[in-house]
Amino acid sequence: MADTPRCTVCGRTLRDPASRARGTGPVCNRKTRTAPPPPTRHPALPLELGGRPVTDVSAGHYL
């Protein structure tokens, strides 16, 4: 049974095709996967807000 795919973390036999492709079982995958990166922030304002150029947007009583 040397050709049987095994989990790279715990060594258990992998039976599911997705687990075999990934190289880890479902439990080890949940324990070892990293969290998604936080969303990137855009430092500049968008050129358009709601389809209008920024210069056309009223600032109201804030100015």
C-alpha atoms as a PDB file:
ATOM      1  CA  MET A   1       0.000   0.000   0.000  1.00  0.00           C
ATOM      2  CA  ALA A   2       2.870   2.376  -0.635  1.00  0.00           C
ATOM      3  CA  ASP A   3       0.928   4.046  -3.468  1.00  0.00           C
ATOM      4  CA  THR A   4      -2.052   4.933  -1.230  1.00  0.00           C
ATOM      5  CA  PRO A   5      -2.286   8.734  -0.855  1.00  0.00           C
ATOM      6  CA  ARG A   6      -1.903   9.893   2.727  1.00  0.00           C
ATOM      7  CA  CYS A   7      -2.549  13.179   4.501  1.00  0.00           C
ATOM      8  CA  THR A   8       0.639  15.239   4.670  1.00  0.00           C
ATOM      9  CA  VAL A   9      -0.291  16.432   8.179  1.00  0.00           C
ATOM     10  CA  CYS A  10      -1.493  13.346  10.064  1.00  0.00           C
ATOM     11  CA  GLY A  11      -0.742  10.467   7.678  1.00  0.00           C
ATOM     12  CA  ARG A  12      -4.268   9.083   7.445  1.00  0.00           C
ATOM     13  CA  THR A  13      -5.434   7.543   4.166  1.00  0.00           C
ATOM     14  CA  LEU A  14      -7.110  10.017   1.816  1.00  0.00           C
ATOM     15  CA  ARG A  15     -10.229   8.642   0.155  1.00  0.00           C
ATOM     16  CA  ASP A  16     -11.928  11.718  -1.300  1.00  0.00           C
ATOM     17  CA  PRO A  17     -10.612  12.938  -4.698  1.00  0.00           C
ATOM     18  CA  ALA A  18     -10.586  16.569  -3.504  1.00  0.00           C
ATOM     19  CA  SER A  19      -8.563  15.607  -0.427  1.00  0.00           C
ATOM     20  CA  ARG A  20      -6.140  13.643  -2.592  1.00  0.00           C
ATOM     21  CA  ALA A  21      -5.642  16.630  -4.878  1.00  0.00           C
ATOM     22  CA  ARG A  22      -5.139  18.935  -1.881  1.00  0.00           C
ATOM     23  CA  GLY A  23      -2.884  16.515   0.000  1.00  0.00           C
ATOM     24  CA  THR A  24      -4.726  16.909   3.297  1.00  0.00           C
ATOM     25  CA  GLY A  25      -7.924  15.532   4.760  1.00  0.00           C
ATOM     26  CA  PRO A  26     -10.882  17.760   5.591  1.00  0.00           C
ATOM     27  CA  VAL A  27     -10.099  18.032   9.318  1.00  0.00           C
ATOM     28  CA  CYS A  28      -6.398  18.800   8.819  1.00  0.00           C
ATOM     29  CA  ASN A  29      -7.295  21.255   6.060  1.00  0.00           C
ATOM     30  CA  ARG A  30      -9.600  23.209   8.417  1.00  0.00           C
ATOM     31  CA  LYS A  31      -6.939  23.226  11.133  1.00  0.00           C
ATOM     32  CA  THR A  32      -4.022  24.300   8.969  1.00  0.00           C
ATOM     33  CA  ARG A  33      -5.400  26.659   6.324  1.00  0.00           C
ATOM     34  CA  THR A  34      -4.621  30.312   6.796  1.00  0.00           C
ATOM     35  CA  ALA A  35      -7.195  33.042   7.221  1.00  0.00           C
ATOM     36  CA  PRO A  36      -7.964  35.103   4.123  1.00  0.00           C
ATOM     37  CA  PRO A  37      -6.051  38.382   3.935  1.00  0.00           C
ATOM     38  CA  PRO A  38      -7.921  41.479   5.096  1.00  0.00           C
ATOM     39  CA  PRO A  39      -9.477  43.586   2.347  1.00  0.00           C
ATOM     40  CA  THR A  40      -7.173  46.188   0.884  1.00  0.00           C
ATOM     41  CA  ARG A  41      -7.924  49.819   1.571  1.00  0.00           C
ATOM     42  CA  HIS A  42      -7.776  52.335  -1.216  1.00  0.00           C
ATOM     43  CA  PRO A  43      -6.136  55.554  -0.005  1.00  0.00           C
ATOM     44  CA  ALA A  44      -7.602  57.782  -2.730  1.00  0.00           C
ATOM     45  CA  LEU A  45     -11.240  58.606  -3.288  1.00  0.00           C
ATOM     46  CA  PRO A  46     -12.853  57.109  -6.369  1.00  0.00           C
ATOM     47  CA  LEU A  47     -12.977  59.342  -9.411  1.00  0.00           C
ATOM     48  CA  GLU A  48     -16.706  58.946  -9.645  1.00  0.00           C
ATOM     49  CA  LEU A  49     -19.398  58.514  -7.034  1.00  0.00           C
ATOM     50  CA  GLY A  50     -22.611  57.008  -8.278  1.00  0.00           C
ATOM     51  CA  GLY A  51     -21.768  57.753 -11.911  1.00  0.00           C
ATOM     52  CA  ARG A  52     -21.069  61.434 -11.281  1.00  0.00           C
ATOM     53  CA  PRO A  53     -17.654  63.125 -11.112  1.00  0.00           C
ATOM     54  CA  VAL A  54     -16.561  64.004  -7.581  1.00  0.00           C
ATOM     55  CA  THR A  55     -16.761  67.738  -8.378  1.00  0.00           C
ATOM     56  CA  ASP A  56     -20.520  67.415  -9.019  1.00  0.00           C
ATOM     57  CA  VAL A  57     -21.263  65.873  -5.616  1.00  0.00           C
ATOM     58  CA  SER A  58     -22.758  68.381  -3.198  1.00  0.00           C
ATOM     59  CA  ALA A  59     -20.947  68.718   0.124  1.00  0.00           C
ATOM     60  CA  GLY A  60     -24.084  70.137   1.698  1.00  0.00           C
ATOM     61  CA  HIS A  61     -23.695  71.945   5.013  1.00  0.00           C
ATOM     62  CA  TYR A  62     -20.295  70.377   5.728  1.00  0.00           C
ATOM     63  CA  LEU A  63     -18.361  73.129   3.952  1.00  0.00           C
END
